[in-house]
């Protein structure tokens, strides 16, 4: 635990040093004309501080509430598991040991699920200033395009991650936790909530860019309240037990997503083609899942579990990318918005994938 905290501290310090050096080298500063045209130019320090706090406090509250959803599991799982099995297991020590085992499963699953979410957080965070800038310029067409593209990219990233976890849940747990690999179905259920967490993150960044900073906090608070109630009801049921935690998380995240998305629709209409932006990525994910499932089964007959899992993951990545290209999910404009987009498109054009 100490080593984990130390590594986190070092990574944050290195991140700060990198940004500080980048800032110094590039000498980032605004031109005087830009400052004069800013609506904040003539505001006093007190007025600026008040504006910053009015914007940052709701965002901070929302971040705290998102952490509280994990704390809810930490505080309820152990007690509710003991309640669930109190009439089945008479020994207090055995009950506590079972509760610790179930809580450990959930902790491992949360660690895995948080990896794809961390990537999406980086994308949604980068979206916020771009949205704020286009809104300040009253360029709502650009705002629509940026937000729609960001939601689309979140779908493209999170779908294969969720399908991969669902298909390879057991092999992945055995690969990373060889001595304690229980929890495949918990991971599969948690993968569903992961999709809505990623979408909510992107939409919430859009809402914050549109100055609707209270909506994400409200959405998360309502979802957290529902999760707390469902955790107590479901986990305390011995026939459901630990599976109640991911089920309540799915419900919590769907509610939070619906509240945020409904609020966003009132301000701006996402320019998304449901077939291309939603159905086709799901189809690509299903194709990937089928190929990965078959390849993992076949490779298990030839090689060991570890090798077959690693190769299957690489096959899945390749199959998903090929499926996305063959289904032409990305338009020419989408590809050009990606890093090295022009070079990628030229290669695809030469291969006659895009004409």
Protein backbone atom coordinates (compact mmCIF):
# COMPACT_ATOMS: atom_id res chain seq x y z
CA UNK A 1 0.00 0.00 0.00
CA UNK A 2 2.84 2.38 0.86
CA UNK A 3 4.58 1.53 -2.41
CA UNK A 4 1.39 2.24 -4.35
CA UNK A 5 0.94 5.63 -2.71
CA UNK A 6 4.61 6.48 -3.26
CA UNK A 7 4.38 5.68 -6.98
CA UNK A 8 1.25 7.83 -7.29
CA UNK A 9 3.00 10.75 -5.57
CA UNK A 10 6.05 10.42 -7.83
CA UNK A 11 3.86 10.33 -10.96
CA UNK A 12 1.99 13.49 -9.92
CA UNK A 13 5.26 15.32 -9.16
CA UNK A 14 6.73 14.28 -12.54
CA UNK A 15 3.55 15.44 -14.29
CA UNK A 16 3.82 18.83 -12.60
CA UNK A 17 7.52 19.16 -13.50
CA UNK A 18 6.79 18.30 -17.15
CA UNK A 19 3.98 20.87 -17.42
CA UNK A 20 6.09 23.53 -15.66
CA UNK A 21 9.06 22.97 -18.01
CA UNK A 22 6.74 22.98 -21.05
CA UNK A 23 5.20 26.26 -19.89
CA UNK A 24 8.61 27.86 -19.39
CA UNK A 25 10.06 26.70 -22.70
CA UNK A 26 7.11 27.78 -24.81
CA UNK A 27 6.61 31.02 -22.88
CA UNK A 28 2.85 30.72 -23.08
CA UNK A 29 1.13 34.07 -22.63
CA UNK A 30 -1.76 35.99 -24.08
CA UNK A 31 -1.38 38.95 -26.37
CA UNK A 32 -2.51 42.27 -24.90
CA UNK A 33 -5.29 42.57 -27.50
CA UNK A 34 -6.72 39.20 -26.52
CA UNK A 35 -6.74 40.23 -22.87
CA UNK A 36 -8.52 43.50 -23.62
CA UNK A 37 -11.22 41.67 -25.58
CA UNK A 38 -11.81 39.27 -22.71
CA UNK A 39 -15.00 39.89 -20.65
CA UNK A 40 -12.87 39.36 -17.50
CA UNK A 41 -10.37 42.12 -18.39
CA UNK A 42 -11.98 44.83 -16.27
CA UNK A 43 -13.02 42.60 -13.37
CA UNK A 44 -11.40 43.03 -9.96
CA UNK A 45 -9.46 40.23 -8.27
CA UNK A 46 -12.39 39.69 -5.91
CA UNK A 47 -14.81 39.29 -8.82
CA UNK A 48 -12.45 36.88 -10.59
CA UNK A 49 -12.02 34.81 -7.43
CA UNK A 50 -15.78 34.64 -6.98
CA UNK A 51 -16.21 33.50 -10.62
CA UNK A 52 -13.51 30.83 -10.26
CA UNK A 53 -15.04 29.49 -7.02
CA UNK A 54 -18.54 29.46 -8.52
CA UNK A 55 -17.20 27.28 -11.32
CA UNK A 56 -14.74 25.08 -9.42
CA UNK A 57 -16.71 24.23 -6.27
CA UNK A 58 -19.50 22.29 -8.09
CA UNK A 59 -16.88 20.44 -10.15
CA UNK A 60 -15.01 19.54 -6.97
CA UNK A 61 -18.23 18.38 -5.32
CA UNK A 62 -18.96 16.21 -8.37
CA UNK A 63 -15.46 14.67 -8.14
CA UNK A 64 -15.98 13.95 -4.44
CA UNK A 65 -19.34 12.30 -5.11
CA UNK A 66 -17.80 10.11 -7.84
CA UNK A 67 -15.32 8.87 -5.22
CA UNK A 68 -18.16 8.36 -2.73
CA UNK A 69 -19.68 5.71 -5.04
CA UNK A 70 -16.54 3.61 -4.44
CA UNK A 71 -16.67 4.37 -0.71
CA UNK A 72 -20.27 3.11 -0.65
CA UNK A 73 -19.02 -0.31 -1.76
CA UNK A 74 -16.19 -0.24 0.77
CA UNK A 75 -18.53 0.55 3.67
CA UNK A 76 -21.51 -1.63 2.74
CA UNK A 77 -20.14 -4.80 1.12
CA UNK A 78 -18.50 -6.31 4.21
CA UNK A 79 -21.46 -5.66 6.55
CA UNK A 80 -24.09 -6.71 4.01
CA UNK A 81 -22.26 -9.94 3.14
CA UNK A 82 -22.20 -10.85 6.83
CA UNK A 83 -25.92 -10.07 7.08
CA UNK A 84 -26.63 -12.17 3.97
CA UNK A 85 -24.86 -15.26 5.33
CA UNK A 86 -25.59 -14.79 9.05
CA UNK A 87 -28.28 -17.48 8.98
CA UNK A 88 -26.14 -19.84 6.88
CA UNK A 89 -22.70 -19.52 8.51
CA UNK A 90 -22.71 -19.55 12.32
CA UNK A 91 -19.03 -18.79 12.93
CA UNK A 92 -18.22 -15.08 13.28
CA UNK A 93 -14.64 -15.64 12.06
CA UNK A 94 -15.88 -17.51 8.98
CA UNK A 95 -18.37 -14.72 8.24
CA UNK A 96 -15.65 -12.07 8.47
CA UNK A 97 -13.31 -14.11 6.29
CA UNK A 98 -16.03 -14.55 3.63
CA UNK A 99 -16.79 -10.82 3.74
CA UNK A 100 -13.10 -10.00 3.26
CA UNK A 101 -12.88 -12.42 0.33
CA UNK A 102 -15.91 -10.88 -1.42
CA UNK A 103 -14.69 -7.33 -0.79
CA UNK A 104 -11.30 -8.33 -2.22
CA UNK A 105 -12.96 -9.56 -5.42
CA UNK A 106 -14.72 -6.22 -5.84
CA UNK A 107 -11.50 -4.31 -5.20
CA UNK A 108 -9.66 -6.25 -7.92
CA UNK A 109 -12.47 -5.68 -10.40
CA UNK A 110 -12.55 -1.94 -9.65
CA UNK A 111 -8.80 -1.75 -10.33
CA UNK A 112 -9.24 -3.34 -13.77
CA UNK A 113 -12.31 -1.30 -14.72
CA UNK A 114 -10.60 1.95 -13.73
CA UNK A 115 -7.86 1.49 -16.36
CA UNK A 116 -10.02 2.24 -19.47
CA UNK A 117 -11.89 4.91 -17.49
CA UNK A 118 -8.58 6.68 -16.75
CA UNK A 119 -7.92 6.96 -20.50
CA UNK A 120 -11.38 8.40 -21.05
CA UNK A 121 -10.88 10.90 -18.20
CA UNK A 122 -7.84 12.27 -20.05
CA UNK A 123 -9.94 12.76 -23.20
CA UNK A 124 -12.90 14.33 -21.41
CA UNK A 125 -10.61 16.67 -19.44
CA UNK A 126 -8.98 17.84 -22.67
CA UNK A 127 -12.46 18.55 -24.05
CA UNK A 128 -13.42 21.10 -21.36
CA UNK A 129 -11.28 24.11 -22.45
CA UNK A 130 -12.08 23.49 -26.13
CA UNK A 131 -15.82 23.55 -25.39
CA UNK A 132 -15.48 26.62 -23.14
CA UNK A 133 -13.55 28.47 -25.86
CA UNK A 134 -16.09 27.78 -28.62
CA UNK A 135 -18.97 28.71 -26.27
CA UNK A 136 -17.23 31.98 -25.35
CA UNK A 137 -16.91 32.71 -29.09
CA UNK A 138 -20.61 31.81 -29.49
CA UNK A 139 -19.53 29.27 -32.11
CA UNK A 140 -22.12 26.64 -31.26
CA UNK A 141 -21.56 24.67 -34.47
CA UNK A 142 -17.95 24.03 -33.41
CA UNK A 143 -19.16 23.23 -29.88
CA UNK A 144 -21.58 20.67 -31.31
CA UNK A 145 -18.91 19.07 -33.53
CA UNK A 146 -16.31 18.85 -30.74
CA UNK A 147 -18.69 17.43 -28.19
CA UNK A 148 -20.26 14.96 -30.66
CA UNK A 149 -16.82 13.76 -31.77
CA UNK A 150 -15.69 13.35 -28.16
CA UNK A 151 -18.75 11.24 -27.26
CA UNK A 152 -18.14 9.19 -30.41
CA UNK A 153 -14.47 8.59 -29.49
CA UNK A 154 -15.50 7.58 -25.95
CA UNK A 155 -17.83 4.97 -27.47
CA UNK A 156 -15.07 3.72 -29.78
CA UNK A 157 -12.66 3.33 -26.86
CA UNK A 158 -14.93 1.93 -24.18
CA UNK A 159 -16.90 -0.63 -26.26
CA UNK A 160 -13.91 -2.92 -27.07
CA UNK A 161 -12.68 -2.62 -23.47
CA UNK A 162 -16.06 -3.71 -22.12
CA UNK A 163 -16.42 -6.56 -24.63
CA UNK A 164 -12.85 -7.67 -23.91
CA UNK A 165 -13.51 -7.81 -20.18
CA UNK A 166 -16.77 -9.71 -20.72
CA UNK A 167 -15.24 -12.31 -23.07
CA UNK A 168 -11.88 -12.71 -21.28
CA UNK A 169 -12.99 -12.01 -17.71
CA UNK A 170 -11.75 -15.26 -16.22
CA UNK A 171 -8.45 -15.48 -18.19
CA UNK A 172 -7.62 -11.83 -17.41
CA UNK A 173 -8.20 -12.34 -13.68
CA UNK A 174 -6.06 -15.49 -13.74
CA UNK A 175 -3.34 -13.61 -15.62
CA UNK A 176 -3.18 -10.66 -13.21
CA UNK A 177 -4.24 -12.39 -9.98
CA UNK A 178 -3.07 -16.02 -10.39
CA UNK A 179 -3.46 -16.87 -6.69
CA UNK A 180 -6.91 -15.28 -6.29
CA UNK A 181 -8.73 -15.17 -9.62
CA UNK A 182 -12.37 -15.33 -8.50
CA UNK A 183 -14.85 -12.72 -9.68
CA UNK A 184 -15.32 -13.27 -13.45
CA UNK A 185 -19.03 -12.46 -13.38
CA UNK A 186 -18.46 -9.44 -11.14
CA UNK A 187 -16.03 -8.12 -13.79
CA UNK A 188 -18.51 -8.83 -16.58
CA UNK A 189 -21.25 -6.88 -14.81
CA UNK A 190 -18.87 -4.05 -13.88
CA UNK A 191 -17.91 -3.75 -17.57
CA UNK A 192 -21.48 -2.66 -18.37
CA UNK A 193 -21.39 0.15 -15.80
CA UNK A 194 -17.97 1.15 -17.21
CA UNK A 195 -19.64 2.11 -20.52
CA UNK A 196 -22.01 4.55 -18.83
CA UNK A 197 -19.25 5.96 -16.59
CA UNK A 198 -17.18 6.82 -19.68
CA UNK A 199 -20.12 8.41 -21.50
CA UNK A 200 -21.10 10.40 -18.41
CA UNK A 201 -17.54 11.69 -18.01
CA UNK A 202 -17.51 13.06 -21.56
CA UNK A 203 -21.00 14.54 -21.35
CA UNK A 204 -20.25 16.08 -17.94
CA UNK A 205 -17.16 17.79 -19.37
CA UNK A 206 -19.40 19.20 -22.09
CA UNK A 207 -21.91 20.43 -19.48
CA UNK A 208 -19.10 22.07 -17.50
CA UNK A 209 -17.87 23.75 -20.69
CA UNK A 210 -21.42 25.04 -21.20
CA UNK A 211 -21.32 26.43 -17.61
CA UNK A 212 -23.86 23.86 -16.37
CA UNK A 213 -21.50 22.89 -13.57
CA UNK A 214 -24.16 21.82 -11.05
CA UNK A 215 -25.82 19.19 -13.27
CA UNK A 216 -23.00 16.58 -13.11
CA UNK A 217 -22.86 16.90 -9.31
CA UNK A 218 -26.64 16.49 -9.02
CA UNK A 219 -26.63 13.50 -11.42
CA UNK A 220 -23.86 11.76 -9.48
CA UNK A 221 -25.54 12.52 -6.13
CA UNK A 222 -28.85 10.98 -7.25
CA UNK A 223 -27.01 7.96 -8.67
CA UNK A 224 -24.98 7.53 -5.47
CA UNK A 225 -28.14 7.62 -3.33
CA UNK A 226 -29.76 4.92 -5.48
CA UNK A 227 -26.57 2.83 -5.32
CA UNK A 228 -26.48 3.01 -1.52
CA UNK A 229 -30.07 1.80 -1.22
CA UNK A 230 -29.61 -1.00 -3.79
CA UNK A 231 -26.33 -2.12 -2.23
CA UNK A 232 -28.02 -2.66 1.13
CA UNK A 233 -31.00 -4.48 -0.42
CA UNK A 234 -29.18 -6.63 -3.00
CA UNK A 235 -25.94 -7.57 -1.24
CA UNK A 236 -27.87 -8.55 1.91
CA UNK A 237 -29.70 -11.15 -0.20
CA UNK A 238 -27.61 -14.37 -0.09
CA UNK A 239 -28.74 -15.43 -3.58
CA UNK A 240 -27.31 -12.18 -5.00
CA UNK A 241 -24.59 -11.24 -2.45
CA UNK A 242 -21.52 -9.58 -4.03
CA UNK A 243 -23.17 -9.33 -7.47
CA UNK A 244 -25.43 -6.68 -5.96
CA UNK A 245 -22.53 -4.19 -6.00
CA UNK A 246 -21.99 -4.14 -9.80
CA UNK A 247 -25.76 -4.36 -10.41
CA UNK A 248 -26.31 -1.27 -8.26
CA UNK A 249 -23.40 0.44 -10.04
CA UNK A 250 -25.04 -0.20 -13.43
CA UNK A 251 -28.29 1.34 -12.16
CA UNK A 252 -26.42 4.26 -10.55
CA UNK A 253 -24.46 5.09 -13.71
CA UNK A 254 -27.48 4.75 -16.03
CA UNK A 255 -29.43 7.20 -13.86
CA UNK A 256 -26.51 9.66 -13.73
CA UNK A 257 -26.03 9.36 -17.50
CA UNK A 258 -29.73 9.94 -18.24
CA UNK A 259 -29.85 13.08 -16.05
CA UNK A 260 -26.70 14.54 -17.64
CA UNK A 261 -27.71 13.62 -21.19
CA UNK A 262 -31.23 15.05 -20.77
CA UNK A 263 -29.76 18.32 -19.50
CA UNK A 264 -27.26 18.46 -22.36
CA UNK A 265 -30.00 17.96 -24.96
CA UNK A 266 -31.76 21.07 -23.67
CA UNK A 267 -28.66 23.17 -24.45
CA UNK A 268 -27.21 21.54 -27.53
CA UNK A 269 -28.18 18.75 -29.89
CA UNK A 270 -25.43 16.21 -30.50
CA UNK A 271 -24.69 15.81 -34.19
CA UNK A 272 -24.46 12.01 -34.16
CA UNK A 273 -25.62 9.34 -36.59
CA UNK A 274 -27.00 6.56 -34.38
CA UNK A 275 -26.17 3.84 -36.92
CA UNK A 276 -22.57 4.97 -37.56
CA UNK A 277 -21.69 6.33 -34.12
CA UNK A 278 -23.39 3.73 -31.91
CA UNK A 279 -24.59 0.60 -33.72
CA UNK A 280 -21.49 0.09 -35.88
CA UNK A 281 -19.03 0.38 -32.94
CA UNK A 282 -21.15 -2.16 -31.05
CA UNK A 283 -21.07 -4.45 -34.12
CA UNK A 284 -17.28 -4.06 -34.36
CA UNK A 285 -17.03 -4.89 -30.66
CA UNK A 286 -19.18 -8.02 -31.08
CA UNK A 287 -17.08 -9.20 -34.04
CA UNK A 288 -13.97 -8.67 -31.93
CA UNK A 289 -15.53 -10.53 -28.99
CA UNK A 290 -16.45 -13.54 -31.15
CA UNK A 291 -12.97 -13.78 -32.71
CA UNK A 292 -11.25 -13.34 -29.32
CA UNK A 293 -13.44 -16.00 -27.70
CA UNK A 294 -12.68 -18.53 -30.46
CA UNK A 295 -8.96 -17.69 -30.59
CA UNK A 296 -8.59 -17.98 -26.81
CA UNK A 297 -10.34 -21.35 -26.84
CA UNK A 298 -8.15 -22.63 -29.67
CA UNK A 299 -4.90 -21.27 -28.25
CA UNK A 300 -5.67 -22.83 -24.85
CA UNK A 301 -5.46 -26.23 -26.52
CA UNK A 302 -1.98 -25.43 -27.83
CA UNK A 303 -0.35 -23.09 -25.32
CA UNK A 304 -0.76 -22.22 -21.65
CA UNK A 305 -3.41 -19.87 -20.26
CA UNK A 306 -1.06 -16.88 -19.93
CA UNK A 307 0.24 -17.01 -23.52
CA UNK A 308 -3.22 -17.62 -24.99
CA UNK A 309 -4.69 -14.67 -23.06
CA UNK A 310 -1.96 -12.25 -24.17
CA UNK A 311 -2.16 -13.35 -27.82
CA UNK A 312 -5.98 -13.18 -27.72
CA UNK A 313 -5.83 -9.58 -26.45
CA UNK A 314 -3.49 -8.61 -29.30
CA UNK A 315 -5.76 -10.39 -31.80
CA UNK A 316 -8.72 -8.51 -30.35
CA UNK A 317 -7.01 -5.13 -30.82
CA UNK A 318 -6.16 -5.96 -34.45
CA UNK A 319 -9.64 -7.32 -35.25
CA UNK A 320 -11.38 -4.30 -33.71
CA UNK A 321 -9.24 -1.80 -35.66
CA UNK A 322 -9.82 -3.71 -38.92
CA UNK A 323 -13.57 -3.92 -38.19
CA UNK A 324 -13.75 -0.17 -37.55
CA UNK A 325 -11.99 0.52 -40.86
CA UNK A 326 -13.96 -1.99 -42.94
CA UNK A 327 -17.28 -0.82 -41.52
CA UNK A 328 -16.12 2.75 -42.30
CA UNK A 329 -17.16 3.94 -38.88
CA UNK A 330 -14.69 6.82 -39.10
CA UNK A 331 -15.29 9.43 -41.80
CA UNK A 332 -12.47 11.23 -43.58
CA UNK A 333 -12.98 14.23 -41.25
CA UNK A 334 -12.83 11.96 -38.18
CA UNK A 335 -9.55 10.42 -39.32
CA UNK A 336 -8.03 13.85 -39.98
CA UNK A 337 -8.91 14.88 -36.41
CA UNK A 338 -6.79 12.00 -35.05
CA UNK A 339 -3.02 12.33 -34.40
CA UNK A 340 -1.19 11.73 -37.74
CA UNK A 341 -4.64 11.62 -39.33
CA UNK A 342 -3.46 12.79 -42.77
CA UNK A 343 -0.82 10.04 -42.98
CA UNK A 344 -3.27 7.40 -41.77
CA UNK A 345 -5.83 8.44 -44.39
CA UNK A 346 -3.23 8.37 -47.19
CA UNK A 347 -2.32 4.79 -46.26
CA UNK A 348 -6.00 3.76 -46.16
CA UNK A 349 -6.57 5.44 -49.51
CA UNK A 350 -3.63 3.57 -51.09
CA UNK A 351 -5.02 0.29 -49.71
CA UNK A 352 -8.38 1.27 -51.28
CA UNK A 353 -10.14 0.95 -47.91
CA UNK A 354 -11.25 4.59 -48.22
CA UNK A 355 -11.91 5.94 -51.71
